[in-house]
Structure formats: structure tokens, C-alpha cells
Amino acid sequence: MTSRRDFIASASLAATGLALAPLAACSQDRPDPASPRPHEKPTGAIADIVPVGGALLARAIPATGETIPVIGVGTSGSYEVPLDSPEFEALEDVMKVFFEGGGRLLDTSPNYSNAEDVVGALLAGGGWRERCFLATKLAADSRAALEAQWADSLRRLRTDHVELLQVHNLRNMAEAMPYARELKAQGKAKYIGITHYLERGHAETARLMRAEKPDFVQINYSVNAPQAAQTIFPLAQELGIAVIVNRAFDDGKLFTATRGKALPDWAAAAGVTSWAQMFLKFTISHPAVTAVIPATGKPERQADNLGGGTAPLLDETQQAELVAMFA
């Protein structure tokens, strides 16, 4: 495993070559065979872990023109930990790296066991709620259950509103979307959206994008599953819908596929020093993508992820090469 000293050295070298011109969200931690679970961090570990590069690129939300940084945080898996555990302490450091590195978007769900509790505790403990673009979801099968779930989400997240409220995997759209609209009208959610995570859900997602015209759509997209670029993304651009990408690492499978594999020759010129950065930069290089939400429970990986959100972006030839590489 790379030492913190080695990581900082490589991060510093990478930072010198990154352009930082700004532009006018994989929800699984990637596996580490040598250490399948987070472990106790060394005392003061956060002190010398810094984001690679500098300022994150940002993209505008079409509905309002508000901008958010292109690298967000997902919470499935990595944030489903006991509040009194070493894993939670590591997440405190992850959040510090994220917010101090310019991040804002944090995506969670009541379906991720206790992730909302963890997110609420982290935001309250770090004083980060006002800096956070907080997104959660509705996922219940009746109006009464939706209302109870929403009240519980606010309690667990320790807030009285969220920036984005999404209908999780298109579940119970007939009741969930009208309820989300009501909450938006009440000022409880600034934006509303819909989500899915598999290609088989793309057709129905596209139909509902046209029918409902949500502010956001969240969908899977990666170098080995690029189908959204042919269907969901053009429609989002046509309708003025923001796009959050999930599963950019294909639940960690892409790291297994690249173990021991060298980065392309042009990686350094693209400001890329790791496969994680490459996969994230691939997603945000599509102009329809507003943000991507990788999840990790390790601060050094959070810093590395942020490095995927800096200029320059990949050109179409580089993107096509990556797709062919993992086809």
C-alpha cells in the first residue's frame, strides 16, 4: 500500500502540471485487496493528505444557473458504518479533505442503511452543512410511507431542508414525484430529480425525463458502460436537466481490471496521475455531466478523487480510446 509520504510526493508532482481554468455524483468504495475494511488511522493522518491539483471545475445547473463542483461524494457502502467506529473517524477526515478541497455535493439515501445518520453526524460535527449541496432520496411505496420516510430523513440528516430530493430508482413515481414537487414548493427541497443505476432502466428514465422534466437526473456512466452518452445525456441537454453520474468505477470492478496496467501515454498531459482520476475525468468530459459522485471511506482516496475534477478535460479521441480499452 502506498505510504502517505509517497502519496503526498506524487500529488505535489501532479499539481505542478495542472491547468486550473474553471468551466461555467459509483456509489461504492473501491476495493483494496490488502485491506478489505477501513482500519484505524494513524494519529494526525489528515495533516499531510491534500487534494491533488487545485480548484475544482464547476458546472451550471440548467434550471437556475447555480454552479456546483464536478466532483461530489456518494455514500452507499462507505458511509454505512457505526458512529462510534474507526471507520467513522476516517470519514471525518474524508469530509475535511472534501470540503477543504472545494467539494459541495453529497448524495445519500434512506435506503443506504444508516448512511443518513452518518452524514448528519459528519456535517454537524464539522460545521459543514451550509457548505454542502445535500442530496437524498424518496424510496417508499405509499404516500404515508413517503411522508414518514422524509420526516425521518430530515431527523437523521439533522437539517430542515435539502438541496436536492430525488425519487430513488424511479420507485413509486406516481406518488413520490408529486410529493417531491410539494416539498419543493414548500422550500424543503431546492431541486427535484430521478435516479437509476443500470442500463436496463435507461429507457424508462428517458420517458420520465420527458414526462416529468425534473431538475436533475442521476444515472450510471463509466468507461465500460458508456450507453448513457447515447441516450440520457443528449435528452438532458435538450430538456435542460442536470446530470449526476453514479457508478463511475463500476462498483470497483474497474480497479480490478486496471491492476498493474499503465495509464495511457497521454495521461500526464491530461493532468491524470491515477486510474481513479482517469475514470472520473472521463465522466465529466461529457458536456452534459454536471457532477460525478464516487464514494470512498479513505481520505487519501478522497484527495485523489478530487484530482479528477481539474482541467484539462479529455478530448473525444481520448474518451473513445478509453471506451475501446474497456469494451
Foldseek 3Di string as FASTA:
>chain_A
DDDLVNLLVVLVVLQVQFDFDADLAQLAAAADVVDRDDDADPVPPLVRFAARHAAFHWHAQLVPSDIFGFAEAHQAHQQLDDCPDSLLVLQLSQVVRQVVRPHAEYEYEVVRPLSLLSQLVSCVVVVCPVRHQYEYEAADADLVVRVVRVVVSCVSNVHQAHAEYEHEQCHNVVRRVVVVVVCCVVVRYVFYYYEDEDPVCQVVRLVCCVVPVGSEYEYEDELQRHCCVVGVQVSCVVSSHEYHYHCLCVNNVVVVVCVVPDDDPCQSVQSADDVLLVSQLLVVLPVRHRHYHHYHSHNNVSSNNSSSRGDDGDDPVVSVVSSVVND
